[in-house]
């Protein structure tokens, strides 16, 4: 199973969701892949926001190793489940899905 978390910049919400899901997957001993992306490329290559790192750390989850990246057409095809953090991100991912399908 491959699960992708999506928000706008991939520095706050989706990295936290990524970290939480990764911790749950690990605790259950599942061989699943979890990743997170943003619909914008504004923060490509950056660590999650320091407040997101701090909040996750307070709950025993280290997200400091994550790096922001923008969602790609390949992600649409590669992931089994894509979870968006809000309605605008959902619409942006749907648009990318449509353009991906049109290219195939």
Protein backbone atom coordinates (compact mmCIF):
# COMPACT_ATOMS: atom_id res chain seq x y z
CA UNK A 1 0.00 0.00 0.00
CA UNK A 2 1.26 3.45 -0.93
CA UNK A 3 -0.33 6.46 0.78
CA UNK A 4 0.28 10.10 -0.21
CA UNK A 5 -0.60 13.12 1.95
CA UNK A 6 -1.18 16.41 0.11
CA UNK A 7 -1.40 20.05 1.22
CA UNK A 8 -0.46 23.35 -0.42
CA UNK A 9 3.20 23.87 0.49
CA UNK A 10 4.16 20.51 2.01
CA UNK A 11 5.71 22.14 5.07
CA UNK A 12 2.93 21.95 7.71
CA UNK A 13 -0.18 19.79 7.40
CA UNK A 14 0.91 17.04 5.02
CA UNK A 15 4.31 16.48 6.71
CA UNK A 16 2.53 16.08 10.07
CA UNK A 17 -0.02 13.70 8.52
CA UNK A 18 2.84 11.85 6.83
CA UNK A 19 4.66 11.48 10.15
CA UNK A 20 1.55 10.30 12.01
CA UNK A 21 0.67 7.73 9.33
CA UNK A 22 4.27 6.53 9.11
CA UNK A 23 4.32 6.00 12.90
CA UNK A 24 1.04 4.08 12.79
CA UNK A 25 2.22 1.92 9.88
CA UNK A 26 5.47 1.15 11.70
CA UNK A 27 3.69 0.31 14.97
CA UNK A 28 1.52 -2.22 13.11
CA UNK A 29 4.51 -3.75 11.33
CA UNK A 30 3.06 -3.00 7.90
CA UNK A 31 5.19 -2.82 4.78
CA UNK A 32 3.53 0.33 3.45
CA UNK A 33 5.04 3.43 1.86
CA UNK A 34 3.96 6.86 3.10
CA UNK A 35 4.95 10.17 1.54
CA UNK A 36 3.75 13.77 1.39
CA UNK A 37 3.73 16.48 -1.26
CA UNK A 38 2.40 19.96 -1.95
CA UNK A 39 0.28 21.22 -4.80
CA UNK A 40 2.59 24.23 -5.13
CA UNK A 41 6.34 24.19 -5.54
CA UNK A 42 6.87 27.15 -3.23
CA UNK A 43 8.95 25.25 -0.68
CA UNK A 44 10.63 22.55 -2.79
CA UNK A 45 13.56 21.00 -0.94
CA UNK A 46 12.77 22.69 2.38
CA UNK A 47 12.28 21.00 5.74
CA UNK A 48 8.84 21.17 7.34
CA UNK A 49 8.08 24.41 9.18
CA UNK A 50 9.82 24.58 12.55
CA UNK A 51 6.43 24.72 14.32
CA UNK A 52 5.30 21.55 12.55
CA UNK A 53 8.55 19.81 13.53
CA UNK A 54 8.08 20.96 17.15
CA UNK A 55 4.44 19.86 17.30
CA UNK A 56 5.22 16.43 15.88
CA UNK A 57 8.18 16.04 18.24
CA UNK A 58 5.92 16.74 21.25
CA UNK A 59 4.02 13.61 20.19
CA UNK A 60 7.13 11.49 19.68
CA UNK A 61 7.25 11.83 15.90
CA UNK A 62 10.32 13.10 14.04
CA UNK A 63 9.48 14.77 10.72
CA UNK A 64 12.70 16.79 10.44
CA UNK A 65 14.08 14.43 7.76
CA UNK A 66 11.23 15.18 5.36
CA UNK A 67 11.73 17.58 2.44
CA UNK A 68 9.02 19.42 0.57
CA UNK A 69 8.27 18.53 -3.02
CA UNK A 70 5.53 19.23 -5.51
CA UNK A 71 3.08 16.52 -6.58
CA UNK A 72 3.73 15.00 -10.00
CA UNK A 73 1.73 13.04 -12.56
CA UNK A 74 3.83 10.02 -11.59
CA UNK A 75 2.56 10.35 -8.00
CA UNK A 76 -1.03 10.11 -9.24
CA UNK A 77 -0.23 6.80 -10.89
CA UNK A 78 2.10 5.41 -8.21
CA UNK A 79 0.04 5.89 -5.03
CA UNK A 80 -2.92 3.73 -4.03
CA UNK A 81 -4.45 6.31 -1.68
CA UNK A 82 -4.12 10.10 -1.93
CA UNK A 83 -5.37 12.10 1.06
CA UNK A 84 -5.74 15.86 0.67
CA UNK A 85 -5.76 18.25 3.59
CA UNK A 86 -8.52 20.54 2.28
CA UNK A 87 -11.00 21.05 -0.55
CA UNK A 88 -8.75 23.26 -2.67
CA UNK A 89 -5.97 20.68 -2.58
CA UNK A 90 -8.55 18.05 -3.49
CA UNK A 91 -9.60 20.10 -6.53
CA UNK A 92 -5.96 20.64 -7.54
CA UNK A 93 -5.25 16.91 -7.32
CA UNK A 94 -8.40 16.09 -9.31
CA UNK A 95 -7.27 18.52 -12.01
CA UNK A 96 -3.88 16.82 -12.14
CA UNK A 97 -5.63 13.44 -12.35
CA UNK A 98 -7.64 14.61 -15.35
CA UNK A 99 -4.58 15.97 -17.13
CA UNK A 100 -2.69 12.74 -16.34
CA UNK A 101 -5.50 10.62 -17.80
CA UNK A 102 -5.69 12.81 -20.89
CA UNK A 103 -1.97 12.25 -21.57
CA UNK A 104 -2.28 8.43 -21.38
